[in-house]
C-alpha cells in the first residue's frame, strides 16, 4: 500500500484527501475492479461512515472517511503511474 498525490508530494491543502494505491503483484493480469470488490467488505467492517465505489473513473476508486482523523481517503488498485507522477512532483518541489 502506497500513499501518493498531494499527501505525498508536499502539495497538501486543507481540502486535500489522502490517495492510497494497493499494488498487487499480478497487476498486469487482473482488472483493478476485481481487487477493489475484494477490499470493500473489510473496509465496510472498519468504517461506519459509508463507502462509495466509483468504478466509472479512469482509475476506479473506493472513497471513504477515516473516522479517527476525519480525513477523506481515495483507495485504488495498481495505480503505478499515479505513484510515479507523485514522486516526480515531489522531486520538483525539492528542486524548487
C-alpha atoms as a PDB file:
ATOM      1  CA  UNK A   1       0.000   0.000   0.000  1.00  0.00           C
ATOM      2  CA  UNK A   2       1.459   3.339  -1.061  1.00  0.00           C
ATOM      3  CA  UNK A   3       0.315   6.894  -0.423  1.00  0.00           C
ATOM      4  CA  UNK A   4       0.563   9.255  -3.371  1.00  0.00           C
ATOM      5  CA  UNK A   5      -0.936  12.508  -4.583  1.00  0.00           C
ATOM      6  CA  UNK A   6      -0.890  15.709  -2.558  1.00  0.00           C
ATOM      7  CA  UNK A   7      -0.382  13.878   0.743  1.00  0.00           C
ATOM      8  CA  UNK A   8       2.901  12.542  -0.653  1.00  0.00           C
ATOM      9  CA  UNK A   9       4.243  15.287  -2.892  1.00  0.00           C
ATOM     10  CA  UNK A  10       4.060  18.203  -0.405  1.00  0.00           C
ATOM     11  CA  UNK A  11       1.202  19.952  -2.238  1.00  0.00           C
ATOM     12  CA  UNK A  12      -1.341  19.225   0.537  1.00  0.00           C
ATOM     13  CA  UNK A  13      -4.076  21.754   1.283  1.00  0.00           C
ATOM     14  CA  UNK A  14      -6.777  21.824   3.956  1.00  0.00           C
ATOM     15  CA  UNK A  15      -9.250  20.369   1.438  1.00  0.00           C
ATOM     16  CA  UNK A  16      -6.998  17.556   0.204  1.00  0.00           C
ATOM     17  CA  UNK A  17      -7.805  13.900   0.576  1.00  0.00           C
ATOM     18  CA  UNK A  18      -5.391  11.013   1.010  1.00  0.00           C
ATOM     19  CA  UNK A  19      -4.773   8.940  -2.090  1.00  0.00           C
ATOM     20  CA  UNK A  20      -3.681   5.353  -1.498  1.00  0.00           C
ATOM     21  CA  UNK A  21      -2.913   2.654  -4.024  1.00  0.00           C
ATOM     22  CA  UNK A  22      -2.693  -1.037  -3.222  1.00  0.00           C
ATOM     23  CA  UNK A  23      -0.318  -2.644  -5.713  1.00  0.00           C
ATOM     24  CA  UNK A  24      -0.794  -6.349  -6.356  1.00  0.00           C
ATOM     25  CA  UNK A  25       1.947  -8.420  -7.950  1.00  0.00           C
ATOM     26  CA  UNK A  26      -0.418  -9.671 -10.655  1.00  0.00           C
ATOM     27  CA  UNK A  27      -1.306  -6.125 -11.717  1.00  0.00           C
ATOM     28  CA  UNK A  28      -0.781  -6.896 -15.398  1.00  0.00           C
ATOM     29  CA  UNK A  29      -3.229  -9.800 -15.326  1.00  0.00           C
ATOM     30  CA  UNK A  30      -6.129  -8.613 -13.195  1.00  0.00           C
ATOM     31  CA  UNK A  31      -8.544  -5.736 -13.627  1.00  0.00           C
ATOM     32  CA  UNK A  32      -8.463  -3.249 -10.707  1.00  0.00           C
ATOM     33  CA  UNK A  33     -12.212  -3.597 -10.086  1.00  0.00           C
ATOM     34  CA  UNK A  34     -11.770  -7.249  -9.097  1.00  0.00           C
ATOM     35  CA  UNK A  35      -9.380  -6.295  -6.302  1.00  0.00           C
ATOM     36  CA  UNK A  36     -11.464  -3.286  -5.261  1.00  0.00           C
ATOM     37  CA  UNK A  37     -14.502  -5.532  -4.844  1.00  0.00           C
ATOM     38  CA  UNK A  38     -12.441  -7.752  -2.530  1.00  0.00           C
ATOM     39  CA  UNK A  39     -11.487  -4.730  -0.392  1.00  0.00           C
ATOM     40  CA  UNK A  40     -14.980  -3.297   0.053  1.00  0.00           C
ATOM     41  CA  UNK A  41     -16.273  -5.795   2.643  1.00  0.00           C
ATOM     42  CA  UNK A  42     -13.306  -5.474   5.059  1.00  0.00           C
ATOM     43  CA  UNK A  43     -13.463  -1.680   4.745  1.00  0.00           C
ATOM     44  CA  UNK A  44     -17.179  -1.654   5.472  1.00  0.00           C
ATOM     45  CA  UNK A  45     -16.463  -3.553   8.703  1.00  0.00           C
ATOM     46  CA  UNK A  46     -13.894  -0.920   9.712  1.00  0.00           C
ATOM     47  CA  UNK A  47     -15.858   2.164   8.733  1.00  0.00           C
ATOM     48  CA  UNK A  48     -19.372   3.183   9.688  1.00  0.00           C
ATOM     49  CA  UNK A  49     -19.236   6.312   7.526  1.00  0.00           C
ATOM     50  CA  UNK A  50     -20.034   4.621   4.255  1.00  0.00           C
ATOM     51  CA  UNK A  51     -18.044   3.613   1.253  1.00  0.00           C
ATOM     52  CA  UNK A  52     -18.556   4.719  -2.316  1.00  0.00           C
ATOM     53  CA  UNK A  53     -17.201   2.620  -5.173  1.00  0.00           C
ATOM     54  CA  UNK A  54     -16.513   4.775  -8.224  1.00  0.00           C
ATOM     55  CA  UNK A  55     -15.865   2.224 -10.934  1.00  0.00           C
ATOM     56  CA  UNK A  56     -16.568   4.570 -13.846  1.00  0.00           C
ATOM     57  CA  UNK A  57     -13.482   6.722 -13.162  1.00  0.00           C
ATOM     58  CA  UNK A  58     -10.342   6.418 -15.297  1.00  0.00           C
ATOM     59  CA  UNK A  59      -8.764   4.763 -12.277  1.00  0.00           C
ATOM     60  CA  UNK A  60     -11.543   3.050 -10.284  1.00  0.00           C
ATOM     61  CA  UNK A  61     -11.539   4.037  -6.593  1.00  0.00           C
ATOM     62  CA  UNK A  62     -13.207   3.396  -3.269  1.00  0.00           C
ATOM     63  CA  UNK A  63     -13.947   6.619  -1.367  1.00  0.00           C
ATOM     64  CA  UNK A  64     -14.404   6.628   2.408  1.00  0.00           C
ATOM     65  CA  UNK A  65     -13.626   8.706   5.503  1.00  0.00           C
ATOM     66  CA  UNK A  66     -11.222   7.734   8.260  1.00  0.00           C
ATOM     67  CA  UNK A  67     -13.269   8.052  11.449  1.00  0.00           C
ATOM     68  CA  UNK A  68     -10.361   8.898  13.756  1.00  0.00           C
ATOM     69  CA  UNK A  69      -8.791  11.670  11.679  1.00  0.00           C
ATOM     70  CA  UNK A  70     -11.864  12.771   9.714  1.00  0.00           C
ATOM     71  CA  UNK A  71      -9.801  12.650   6.510  1.00  0.00           C
ATOM     72  CA  UNK A  72     -11.281  11.529   3.214  1.00  0.00           C
ATOM     73  CA  UNK A  73      -9.454   8.642   1.580  1.00  0.00           C
ATOM     74  CA  UNK A  74      -9.451   7.524  -2.037  1.00  0.00           C
ATOM     75  CA  UNK A  75      -8.255   3.940  -2.395  1.00  0.00           C
ATOM     76  CA  UNK A  76      -7.381   2.421  -5.738  1.00  0.00           C
ATOM     77  CA  UNK A  77      -5.549  -0.610  -7.042  1.00  0.00           C
ATOM     78  CA  UNK A  78      -2.396  -0.800  -9.150  1.00  0.00           C
ATOM     79  CA  UNK A  79      -2.153   2.920  -9.940  1.00  0.00           C
ATOM     80  CA  UNK A  80       1.581   2.728 -10.522  1.00  0.00           C
ATOM     81  CA  UNK A  81       1.536   5.714 -12.893  1.00  0.00           C
ATOM     82  CA  UNK A  82      -0.138   7.881 -10.230  1.00  0.00           C
ATOM     83  CA  UNK A  83       2.551   6.886  -7.735  1.00  0.00           C
ATOM     84  CA  UNK A  84       5.320   7.692 -10.214  1.00  0.00           C
ATOM     85  CA  UNK A  85       3.745  11.065 -11.085  1.00  0.00           C
ATOM     86  CA  UNK A  86       3.547  11.957  -7.379  1.00  0.00           C
ATOM     87  CA  UNK A  87       7.214  11.061  -6.939  1.00  0.00           C
ATOM     88  CA  UNK A  88       8.082  13.291  -9.897  1.00  0.00           C
ATOM     89  CA  UNK A  89       6.095  16.230  -8.470  1.00  0.00           C
ATOM     90  CA  UNK A  90       7.750  15.688  -5.069  1.00  0.00           C
ATOM     91  CA  UNK A  91      11.157  15.876  -6.747  1.00  0.00           C
ATOM     92  CA  UNK A  92      10.103  19.120  -8.449  1.00  0.00           C
ATOM     93  CA  UNK A  93       9.179  20.626  -5.060  1.00  0.00           C
ATOM     94  CA  UNK A  94      12.608  19.664  -3.682  1.00  0.00           C
ATOM     95  CA  UNK A  95      14.356  21.337  -6.616  1.00  0.00           C
ATOM     96  CA  UNK A  96      12.221  24.453  -6.276  1.00  0.00           C
END
